[in-house]
N, C-alpha and C. Protein backbone atom coordinates (compact mmCIF):
# COMPACT_ATOMS: atom_id res chain seq x y z
N UNK A 1 50.77 -24.53 -59.83
CA UNK A 1 50.48 -23.72 -61.04
C UNK A 1 49.17 -23.54 -61.13
N UNK A 2 48.98 -21.99 -61.14
CA UNK A 2 47.13 -21.93 -61.43
C UNK A 2 46.45 -22.21 -62.56
N UNK A 3 45.40 -22.45 -62.87
CA UNK A 3 44.83 -22.59 -63.69
C UNK A 3 45.28 -21.62 -65.03
N UNK A 4 45.15 -20.45 -64.96
CA UNK A 4 45.26 -19.21 -65.56
C UNK A 4 46.89 -19.35 -65.98
N UNK A 5 47.64 -19.74 -65.46
CA UNK A 5 48.94 -19.80 -65.54
C UNK A 5 49.40 -20.98 -66.60
N UNK A 6 48.49 -22.19 -66.21
CA UNK A 6 48.78 -23.21 -66.93
C UNK A 6 48.51 -23.00 -68.66
N UNK A 7 47.34 -22.03 -68.54
CA UNK A 7 46.74 -21.88 -69.88
C UNK A 7 47.63 -20.60 -70.59
N UNK A 8 48.22 -19.92 -69.93
CA UNK A 8 48.92 -18.70 -70.41
C UNK A 8 50.27 -19.68 -70.84
N UNK A 9 50.83 -20.35 -69.86
CA UNK A 9 51.96 -21.31 -70.52
C UNK A 9 51.56 -22.13 -71.86
N UNK A 10 50.60 -22.93 -71.86
CA UNK A 10 50.00 -23.60 -73.15
C UNK A 10 50.21 -22.78 -74.34
N UNK A 11 49.61 -21.22 -73.95
CA UNK A 11 49.57 -20.34 -75.56
C UNK A 11 50.86 -19.76 -75.81
N UNK A 12 51.95 -19.78 -75.03
CA UNK A 12 53.26 -19.62 -75.23
C UNK A 12 53.80 -20.70 -75.80
N UNK A 13 53.94 -22.20 -75.36
CA UNK A 13 54.71 -23.04 -75.74
C UNK A 13 54.03 -23.12 -77.45
N UNK A 14 52.76 -23.01 -77.76
CA UNK A 14 52.05 -23.03 -78.63
C UNK A 14 52.55 -22.26 -79.82
N UNK A 15 53.09 -20.48 -79.25
CA UNK A 15 53.22 -19.49 -80.04
C UNK A 15 51.68 -19.01 -80.40
N UNK A 16 50.92 -19.16 -79.38
CA UNK A 16 49.54 -18.27 -79.75
C UNK A 16 49.40 -17.09 -78.85
N UNK A 17 48.37 -16.28 -79.09
CA UNK A 17 48.43 -15.34 -77.97
C UNK A 17 47.46 -15.51 -76.91
N UNK A 18 47.67 -15.19 -75.99
CA UNK A 18 47.03 -15.56 -74.58
C UNK A 18 45.92 -14.94 -74.61
N UNK A 19 44.88 -15.92 -73.87
CA UNK A 19 43.24 -15.67 -73.75
C UNK A 19 43.30 -14.62 -73.05
N UNK A 20 42.54 -13.32 -73.36
CA UNK A 20 41.94 -12.55 -72.06
C UNK A 20 40.96 -12.74 -71.28
N UNK A 21 41.11 -12.73 -69.73
CA UNK A 21 40.14 -13.22 -68.93
C UNK A 21 38.60 -13.13 -69.32
N UNK A 22 38.17 -12.08 -70.17
CA UNK A 22 36.61 -11.98 -70.26
C UNK A 22 36.51 -13.00 -71.59
N UNK A 23 37.72 -13.57 -72.44
CA UNK A 23 37.45 -14.56 -73.48
C UNK A 23 37.33 -16.18 -72.63
N UNK A 24 38.22 -16.14 -71.41
CA UNK A 24 38.05 -17.09 -70.79
C UNK A 24 36.71 -17.28 -70.51
N UNK A 25 36.30 -16.65 -69.91
CA UNK A 25 35.08 -16.62 -68.97
C UNK A 25 33.74 -16.88 -70.04
N UNK A 26 33.84 -16.18 -71.42
CA UNK A 26 33.10 -16.38 -72.48
C UNK A 26 32.83 -17.66 -72.84
N UNK A 27 34.02 -18.36 -72.99
CA UNK A 27 34.48 -20.03 -73.32
C UNK A 27 33.99 -20.76 -72.65
N UNK A 28 34.14 -20.43 -71.33
CA UNK A 28 33.67 -21.50 -70.03
C UNK A 28 32.20 -21.45 -70.09
N UNK A 29 31.75 -20.56 -70.34
CA UNK A 29 30.45 -20.34 -69.97
C UNK A 29 29.47 -20.87 -71.01
N UNK A 30 29.93 -20.74 -72.36
CA UNK A 30 29.29 -21.43 -73.62
C UNK A 30 29.03 -22.42 -73.56
N UNK A 31 30.59 -23.43 -72.80
CA UNK A 31 30.75 -24.55 -72.68
C UNK A 31 29.91 -25.18 -71.67
N UNK A 32 29.68 -24.56 -70.87
CA UNK A 32 28.93 -25.12 -69.74
C UNK A 32 27.36 -25.26 -70.35
N UNK A 33 27.11 -24.07 -71.06
CA UNK A 33 25.42 -24.21 -71.73
C UNK A 33 25.14 -25.22 -72.40
N UNK A 34 26.31 -25.31 -73.29
CA UNK A 34 26.38 -26.84 -74.34
C UNK A 34 26.21 -27.74 -72.99
N UNK A 35 26.95 -28.23 -72.52
CA UNK A 35 27.10 -29.42 -71.55
C UNK A 35 25.93 -29.39 -71.12
N UNK A 36 25.14 -28.37 -70.48
CA UNK A 36 23.81 -28.90 -69.97
C UNK A 36 22.75 -28.97 -70.70
N UNK A 37 22.93 -27.94 -71.72
CA UNK A 37 21.59 -27.94 -72.83
C UNK A 37 21.54 -28.99 -73.87
N UNK A 38 22.75 -29.52 -74.12
CA UNK A 38 22.94 -30.34 -75.23
C UNK A 38 23.47 -31.56 -74.96
N UNK A 39 24.43 -31.62 -74.86
CA UNK A 39 24.93 -32.90 -73.97
C UNK A 39 26.76 -32.95 -74.04
N UNK A 40 27.32 -33.45 -72.32
CA UNK A 40 28.21 -33.02 -72.24
C UNK A 40 29.50 -33.18 -72.83
N UNK A 41 29.46 -34.14 -73.69
CA UNK A 41 30.56 -34.76 -73.99
C UNK A 41 30.98 -33.45 -75.47
N UNK A 42 30.06 -32.78 -76.04
CA UNK A 42 30.20 -31.96 -77.01
C UNK A 42 30.87 -30.65 -76.22
N UNK A 43 30.74 -30.33 -75.04
CA UNK A 43 31.56 -29.00 -74.59
C UNK A 43 32.89 -28.81 -75.12
N UNK A 44 33.76 -29.88 -75.03
CA UNK A 44 35.25 -29.30 -75.46
C UNK A 44 35.13 -28.95 -76.74
N UNK A 45 33.97 -30.05 -77.35
CA UNK A 45 34.19 -30.19 -78.81
C UNK A 45 33.91 -28.80 -79.14
N UNK A 46 32.83 -28.13 -78.56
CA UNK A 46 32.19 -26.80 -79.00
C UNK A 46 33.42 -25.68 -78.59
N UNK A 47 34.20 -25.81 -77.70
CA UNK A 47 35.32 -25.10 -77.15
C UNK A 47 36.38 -24.72 -78.64
N UNK A 48 36.58 -26.37 -79.07
CA UNK A 48 37.56 -26.04 -80.07
C UNK A 48 37.09 -25.73 -81.45
N UNK A 49 35.99 -26.04 -81.58
CA UNK A 49 35.21 -25.65 -82.95
C UNK A 49 35.17 -23.87 -82.80
N UNK A 50 35.01 -23.34 -81.76
CA UNK A 50 35.02 -21.92 -81.39
C UNK A 50 36.29 -21.52 -82.02
N UNK A 51 37.17 -22.12 -81.36
CA UNK A 51 38.56 -21.60 -81.48
C UNK A 51 39.01 -21.53 -82.71
N UNK A 52 38.82 -22.92 -83.87
CA UNK A 52 38.84 -22.89 -85.17
C UNK A 52 38.28 -21.45 -86.20
N UNK A 53 36.97 -21.40 -85.50
CA UNK A 53 36.33 -20.25 -86.25
C UNK A 53 37.03 -18.79 -85.80
N UNK A 54 37.27 -18.83 -84.71
CA UNK A 54 37.98 -17.55 -84.10
C UNK A 54 39.29 -17.04 -84.98
N UNK A 55 39.74 -18.17 -84.83
CA UNK A 55 41.28 -18.38 -85.52
C UNK A 55 41.12 -17.68 -86.93
N UNK A 56 40.19 -18.30 -88.04
CA UNK A 56 40.29 -18.34 -88.93
C UNK A 56 39.59 -16.89 -89.31
N UNK A 57 38.74 -16.18 -88.62
CA UNK A 57 38.43 -14.98 -88.85
C UNK A 57 39.33 -14.04 -88.57
N UNK A 58 39.85 -14.41 -87.54
CA UNK A 58 41.18 -13.37 -86.82
C UNK A 58 42.26 -13.08 -87.98
N UNK A 59 42.59 -14.22 -88.85
CA UNK A 59 43.21 -14.19 -90.07
C UNK A 59 42.79 -13.25 -91.16
N UNK A 60 41.32 -13.24 -91.23
CA UNK A 60 40.82 -12.20 -92.19
C UNK A 60 40.25 -10.84 -91.43
N UNK A 61 40.92 -10.75 -90.39
CA UNK A 61 40.74 -9.42 -89.85
C UNK A 61 39.81 -8.90 -89.05
N UNK A 62 38.95 -9.91 -88.72
CA UNK A 62 38.06 -9.52 -87.66
C UNK A 62 38.66 -9.77 -86.25
N UNK A 63 38.32 -8.73 -85.48
CA UNK A 63 39.03 -9.07 -83.98
C UNK A 63 38.68 -9.95 -83.36
N UNK A 64 39.51 -10.84 -82.37
CA UNK A 64 39.37 -11.84 -81.73
C UNK A 64 37.79 -11.96 -80.91
N UNK A 65 37.93 -10.57 -80.14
CA UNK A 65 36.76 -10.66 -79.32
C UNK A 65 35.51 -10.94 -80.36
N UNK A 66 35.62 -10.04 -81.26
CA UNK A 66 34.54 -9.80 -82.10
C UNK A 66 33.81 -11.02 -82.78
N UNK A 67 34.78 -11.89 -83.14
CA UNK A 67 34.51 -13.08 -83.45
C UNK A 67 34.16 -14.31 -82.62
N UNK A 68 34.58 -14.26 -81.47
CA UNK A 68 34.24 -14.92 -80.37
C UNK A 68 32.75 -14.64 -80.09
N UNK A 69 32.41 -13.44 -79.65
CA UNK A 69 31.09 -12.84 -79.49
C UNK A 69 30.04 -13.58 -80.62
N UNK A 70 30.44 -13.53 -81.83
CA UNK A 70 29.74 -13.92 -83.01
C UNK A 70 29.26 -15.65 -82.63
N UNK A 71 30.51 -16.04 -82.46
CA UNK A 71 30.60 -17.49 -82.63
C UNK A 71 29.61 -18.01 -81.27
N UNK A 72 29.83 -17.45 -79.96
CA UNK A 72 28.74 -17.65 -78.96
C UNK A 72 27.50 -17.55 -79.16
N UNK A 73 26.97 -16.49 -79.88
CA UNK A 73 25.71 -16.11 -80.45
C UNK A 73 25.03 -17.00 -80.81
N UNK A 74 26.13 -17.79 -81.87
CA UNK A 74 25.51 -18.94 -82.66
C UNK A 74 25.37 -19.98 -82.06
N UNK A 75 26.33 -20.56 -81.32
CA UNK A 75 26.17 -21.53 -80.30
C UNK A 75 24.91 -21.43 -79.47
N UNK A 76 24.67 -20.31 -78.89
CA UNK A 76 23.62 -20.04 -77.86
C UNK A 76 22.32 -20.16 -79.00
N UNK A 77 22.30 -19.76 -80.01
CA UNK A 77 21.14 -19.83 -80.95
C UNK A 77 20.75 -21.42 -81.48
N UNK A 78 21.34 -22.27 -81.08
CA UNK A 78 21.57 -23.64 -81.43
C UNK A 78 21.03 -24.78 -80.39
N UNK A 79 21.45 -24.19 -79.26
CA UNK A 79 20.80 -24.81 -78.06
C UNK A 79 19.31 -24.71 -77.45
N UNK A 80 18.53 -26.01 -77.54
CA UNK A 80 17.55 -26.16 -77.50
C UNK A 80 16.85 -25.44 -75.75
N UNK A 81 15.40 -24.70 -76.05
CA UNK A 81 15.11 -24.52 -75.29
C UNK A 81 14.86 -25.74 -73.83
N UNK A 82 15.06 -25.29 -72.21
CA UNK A 82 15.06 -26.19 -71.50
C UNK A 82 14.23 -27.58 -71.74
N UNK A 83 14.64 -28.48 -71.66
CA UNK A 83 13.70 -29.81 -71.67
C UNK A 83 13.43 -30.33 -72.89
N UNK A 84 13.75 -29.61 -73.84
CA UNK A 84 13.64 -29.77 -75.45
C UNK A 84 14.63 -30.59 -75.82
N UNK A 85 14.14 -31.70 -76.70
CA UNK A 85 15.30 -32.40 -77.53
C UNK A 85 16.08 -31.45 -78.35
N UNK A 86 17.16 -31.85 -78.64
CA UNK A 86 18.15 -30.96 -79.34
C UNK A 86 17.85 -31.87 -80.92
N UNK A 87 17.76 -30.61 -82.09
CA UNK A 87 17.77 -31.10 -83.20
C UNK A 87 18.79 -32.11 -83.78
N UNK A 88 18.57 -33.33 -84.26
CA UNK A 88 19.42 -33.98 -84.74
C UNK A 88 19.39 -34.29 -86.36
N UNK A 89 20.85 -33.86 -86.83
CA UNK A 89 21.04 -34.11 -88.52
C UNK A 89 20.22 -35.50 -88.85
N UNK A 90 19.20 -35.64 -89.75
CA UNK A 90 18.91 -37.10 -90.05
C UNK A 90 18.61 -37.51 -91.24
């Protein structure tokens, strides 16, 4: 089974809509940026939080693609410039 096939099957099994290829690419790209710019272990957790946000916004009428774009912009705004230490709540 291909990775995309597995992901489609997971969505079907959970009763969720399948991700569009552009959504898959956007999520993987922002997860990679978090892994390299913040901390690797936060990449999958970031993807999870993005999913929560997109799900909530979708139920409120925002198209999923628009919600994902907004969420990824927010994530990118939080990634420190190369070499900078990320802000940590204190």
